[in-house]
Amino acid sequence: SAEALRLSAIILRRQGKNQAALDTAETALSKLKNSKDALRERASVLNEKGTILWHMNRLNESIESYAESLVIYRNMRQPRQESSALNNMGIVFCALGEYEAGLSHYKNSLSIGQKLGDRVQVAARLGNIGQTYAELGDYGRAEKYLLKSLNISEAHSDWSTLLDVLNSLGQVYLGKEELEKARSSLERALEISLENLNHYQEVRSLVYLAQVSFCLLYTSDAADDLLCVD
């Protein structure tokens, strides 16, 4: 069935077999008919196809696949899935460097999550918006969104979002030259990433901590130089 093929595509993608995953998703789509139930399945397969294409760095095709799934979810009045598709499109737009489009999709996704009362989803969307503002160098807005996300993710023990937000806050404080705040946030992120065996976030924490250490050393050396001036 198409659903079995979709699940197979997910497994293949997670194994790093992206082309095989894409071929499997395409086979699933070819099996679907135009009934209402098939449309729901088609949207799910299209969403997975978008993720596979994103992993293959075929970003424009990824957006097209997500957009098609988004139209189906809207027409079928499935707001949770609509929010997910919007968020996925936001991620790809940001990967393309189209940050304004990314922010627009993230904020539309956030609005739906707030209406649904899905606090975990809201925390993730706030984090994505904050990270995007950080990439744009708008550290004031970035910090505001990230702190909101931090509070919600802590309250719900959402470790994945919490880790992402702590590292993003470290990036923001580094940009604002608030080095002790940066180090505190990043050291906490590193501790949690080690406990949860999240190697991606562990590496991210270590990279930013190295930058913080360099900045602290540089400012310390600069202060020493000033003390040596007659």
Protein backbone atom coordinates (compact mmCIF):
# COMPACT_ATOMS: atom_id res chain seq x y z
CA SER A 1 0.00 0.00 0.00
CA ALA A 2 0.98 3.65 -0.32
CA GLU A 3 1.23 4.00 3.45
CA ALA A 4 3.60 1.05 3.69
CA LEU A 5 5.72 2.58 0.96
CA ARG A 6 5.73 5.94 2.78
CA LEU A 7 7.00 4.27 5.93
CA SER A 8 9.63 2.45 3.89
CA ALA A 9 10.72 5.82 2.44
CA ILE A 10 11.12 7.24 5.94
CA ILE A 11 13.30 4.28 6.99
CA LEU A 12 15.44 4.58 3.86
CA ARG A 13 15.90 8.32 4.41
CA ARG A 14 16.98 7.77 8.01
CA GLN A 15 19.49 5.23 6.75
CA GLY A 16 20.93 7.88 4.43
CA LYS A 17 19.60 6.15 1.30
CA ASN A 18 17.98 9.28 -0.09
CA GLN A 19 17.64 8.28 -3.74
CA ALA A 20 16.05 4.96 -2.80
CA ALA A 21 13.74 6.84 -0.42
CA LEU A 22 12.74 9.26 -3.17
CA ASP A 23 12.06 6.43 -5.61
CA THR A 24 9.89 4.72 -2.99
CA ALA A 25 7.93 7.93 -2.34
CA GLU A 26 7.34 8.37 -6.07
CA THR A 27 6.06 4.79 -6.29
CA ALA A 28 3.68 5.48 -3.42
CA LEU A 29 2.32 8.57 -5.19
CA SER A 30 1.77 6.62 -8.38
CA LYS A 31 -0.42 4.11 -6.52
CA LEU A 32 -2.79 6.70 -5.09
CA LYS A 33 -6.15 7.52 -6.63
CA ASN A 34 -8.22 10.68 -6.37
CA SER A 35 -10.56 9.62 -3.56
CA LYS A 36 -10.78 11.65 -0.35
CA ASP A 37 -8.87 9.02 1.61
CA ALA A 38 -6.22 8.90 -1.09
CA LEU A 39 -5.79 12.68 -0.89
CA ARG A 40 -4.97 12.38 2.80
CA GLU A 41 -2.41 9.70 2.03
CA ARG A 42 -1.08 11.72 -0.90
CA ALA A 43 -0.46 14.71 1.38
CA SER A 44 1.48 12.53 3.84
CA VAL A 45 3.64 11.09 1.06
CA LEU A 46 4.23 14.55 -0.43
CA ASN A 47 5.32 15.82 2.97
CA GLU A 48 7.83 12.97 3.27
CA LYS A 49 8.98 13.56 -0.32
CA GLY A 50 9.63 17.20 0.58
CA THR A 51 11.79 16.10 3.51
CA ILE A 52 13.75 13.66 1.34
CA LEU A 53 14.39 16.36 -1.28
CA TRP A 54 15.51 18.73 1.48
CA HIS A 55 18.07 16.15 2.64
CA MET A 56 19.24 15.86 -0.98
CA ASN A 57 19.67 19.65 -1.12
CA ARG A 58 17.07 19.89 -3.89
CA LEU A 59 15.47 22.78 -2.08
CA ASN A 60 13.18 24.28 -4.71
CA GLU A 61 11.70 20.85 -5.44
CA SER A 62 11.31 20.33 -1.70
CA ILE A 63 9.26 23.51 -1.38
CA GLU A 64 7.05 22.45 -4.29
CA SER A 65 6.31 19.11 -2.64
CA TYR A 66 5.56 20.71 0.74
CA ALA A 67 3.37 23.34 -0.96
CA GLU A 68 1.27 20.67 -2.66
CA SER A 69 0.76 18.89 0.65
CA LEU A 70 -0.14 22.24 2.25
CA VAL A 71 -2.94 22.85 -0.27
CA ILE A 72 -4.42 19.42 0.45
CA TYR A 73 -4.25 19.88 4.23
CA ARG A 74 -5.95 23.26 3.96
CA ASN A 75 -8.72 21.95 1.74
CA MET A 76 -9.29 19.02 4.09
CA ARG A 77 -9.26 21.30 7.15
CA GLN A 78 -6.38 19.57 8.93
CA PRO A 79 -4.75 22.48 10.78
CA ARG A 80 -2.12 20.45 12.66
CA GLN A 81 -0.74 19.02 9.42
CA GLU A 82 -1.09 22.42 7.74
CA SER A 83 1.03 23.95 10.49
CA SER A 84 3.67 21.26 10.03
CA ALA A 85 3.84 21.84 6.27
CA LEU A 86 4.19 25.60 6.80
CA ASN A 87 6.99 25.03 9.28
CA ASN A 88 8.78 22.68 6.89
CA MET A 89 8.53 25.26 4.11
CA GLY A 90 9.94 27.88 6.48
CA ILE A 91 12.98 25.69 7.13
CA VAL A 92 13.66 25.26 3.41
CA PHE A 93 13.14 28.94 2.60
CA CYS A 94 15.70 29.83 5.29
CA ALA A 95 18.10 27.24 3.86
CA LEU A 96 17.73 29.07 0.54
CA GLY A 97 18.56 32.36 2.26
CA GLU A 98 15.00 33.65 1.75
CA TYR A 99 14.59 34.63 5.39
CA GLU A 100 11.55 36.88 5.01
CA ALA A 101 9.63 34.06 3.33
CA GLY A 102 10.86 31.71 6.04
CA LEU A 103 9.67 34.02 8.80
CA SER A 104 6.27 34.42 7.15
CA HIS A 105 5.74 30.65 7.02
CA TYR A 106 7.01 30.16 10.57
CA LYS A 107 4.67 32.84 11.90
CA ASN A 108 1.66 31.40 10.06
CA SER A 109 2.55 27.99 11.51
CA LEU A 110 2.89 29.54 14.98
CA SER A 111 -0.52 31.17 14.71
CA ILE A 112 -2.16 27.83 13.95
CA GLY A 113 -0.29 26.15 16.83
CA GLN A 114 -1.48 28.85 19.23
CA LYS A 115 -5.09 28.37 18.12
CA LEU A 116 -4.77 24.62 18.63
CA GLY A 117 -3.24 25.14 22.08
CA ASP A 118 -0.30 22.90 21.17
CA ARG A 119 2.36 24.26 23.52
CA VAL A 120 5.13 21.95 22.31
CA GLN A 121 4.52 22.95 18.70
CA VAL A 122 4.42 26.62 19.74
CA ALA A 123 7.80 26.31 21.49
CA ALA A 124 9.40 24.82 18.38
CA ARG A 125 7.96 27.54 16.11
CA LEU A 126 9.08 30.32 18.47
CA GLY A 127 12.55 28.77 18.45
CA ASN A 128 12.65 28.71 14.65
CA ILE A 129 11.60 32.34 14.45
CA GLY A 130 14.21 33.32 17.04
CA GLN A 131 16.95 31.43 15.20
CA THR A 132 16.01 33.15 11.93
CA TYR A 133 16.24 36.59 13.53
CA ALA A 134 19.62 35.55 14.94
CA GLU A 135 20.79 34.64 11.42
CA LEU A 136 19.64 38.09 10.29
CA GLY A 137 21.62 39.73 13.12
CA ASP A 138 18.46 41.07 14.78
CA TYR A 139 19.54 39.88 18.22
CA GLY A 140 16.89 41.81 20.16
CA ARG A 141 13.98 40.08 18.43
CA ALA A 142 15.86 36.79 18.40
CA GLU A 143 16.33 36.86 22.17
CA LYS A 144 12.67 37.71 22.77
CA TYR A 145 11.37 34.75 20.76
CA LEU A 146 14.01 32.34 22.05
CA LEU A 147 13.31 33.15 25.71
CA LYS A 148 9.60 32.52 25.16
CA SER A 149 10.44 29.20 23.56
CA LEU A 150 12.84 28.36 26.39
CA ASN A 151 10.17 28.88 29.05
CA ILE A 152 7.64 26.66 27.28
CA SER A 153 10.08 23.89 26.37
CA GLU A 154 11.41 23.78 29.94
CA ALA A 155 7.90 23.54 31.34
CA HIS A 156 7.10 20.59 29.07
CA SER A 157 10.52 18.88 29.26
CA ASP A 158 10.83 19.21 25.49
CA TRP A 159 14.55 18.45 25.38
CA SER A 160 14.91 18.66 21.61
CA THR A 161 13.55 22.21 21.39
CA LEU A 162 15.27 23.20 24.65
CA LEU A 163 18.68 22.15 23.31
CA ASP A 164 18.17 23.97 20.04
CA VAL A 165 17.07 27.13 21.85
CA LEU A 166 19.94 27.10 24.36
CA ASN A 167 22.47 26.90 21.54
CA SER A 168 20.66 29.61 19.61
CA LEU A 169 20.65 31.82 22.71
CA GLY A 170 24.39 31.21 23.00
CA GLN A 171 24.74 32.41 19.42
CA VAL A 172 22.65 35.50 20.19
CA TYR A 173 24.58 36.41 23.36
CA LEU A 174 27.83 35.88 21.47
CA GLY A 175 26.61 38.33 18.84
CA LYS A 176 25.64 40.81 21.55
CA GLU A 177 29.07 40.33 23.18
CA GLU A 178 27.40 39.16 26.41
CA LEU A 179 30.01 36.45 26.79
CA GLU A 180 29.21 35.14 30.26
CA LYS A 181 25.55 34.72 29.32
CA ALA A 182 26.65 32.97 26.14
CA ARG A 183 28.92 30.59 28.02
CA SER A 184 26.27 29.77 30.61
CA SER A 185 23.67 28.95 27.95
CA LEU A 186 26.09 26.90 25.86
CA GLU A 187 27.49 24.94 28.80
CA ARG A 188 23.97 23.97 29.81
CA ALA A 189 23.23 22.95 26.22
CA LEU A 190 26.39 20.85 26.14
CA GLU A 191 25.47 19.09 29.38
CA ILE A 192 21.98 18.21 28.13
CA SER A 193 23.24 17.12 24.72
CA LEU A 194 25.70 14.73 26.36
CA GLU A 195 22.98 13.30 28.59
CA ASN A 196 20.68 12.78 25.60
CA LEU A 197 23.39 11.61 23.17
CA ASN A 198 22.50 14.40 20.75
CA HIS A 199 25.77 14.63 18.83
CA TYR A 200 24.63 17.38 16.45
CA GLN A 201 23.76 19.75 19.28
CA GLU A 202 26.89 18.66 21.18
CA VAL A 203 29.10 19.74 18.27
CA ARG A 204 27.11 22.95 17.90
CA SER A 205 27.64 23.77 21.60
CA LEU A 206 31.38 23.05 21.38
CA VAL A 207 31.84 25.25 18.30
CA TYR A 208 30.13 28.23 19.93
CA LEU A 209 31.93 27.63 23.24
CA ALA A 210 35.24 27.75 21.37
CA GLN A 211 34.24 31.12 19.94
CA VAL A 212 33.26 32.37 23.39
CA SER A 213 36.61 31.22 24.85
CA PHE A 214 38.49 32.99 22.07
CA CYS A 215 36.53 36.21 22.66
CA LEU A 216 37.10 36.03 26.42
CA LEU A 217 40.83 35.48 25.85
CA TYR A 218 40.98 38.34 23.37
CA THR A 219 39.20 40.78 25.70
CA SER A 220 41.41 39.66 28.59
CA ASP A 221 44.57 40.22 26.53
CA ALA A 222 43.27 43.62 25.45
CA ALA A 223 42.65 44.57 29.09
CA ASP A 224 46.17 43.45 30.02
CA ASP A 225 47.61 45.60 27.22
CA LEU A 226 45.76 48.62 28.55
CA LEU A 227 47.14 48.03 32.04
CA CYS A 228 50.66 48.01 30.59
CA VAL A 229 50.27 51.46 29.02
CA ASP A 230 52.24 54.20 30.86
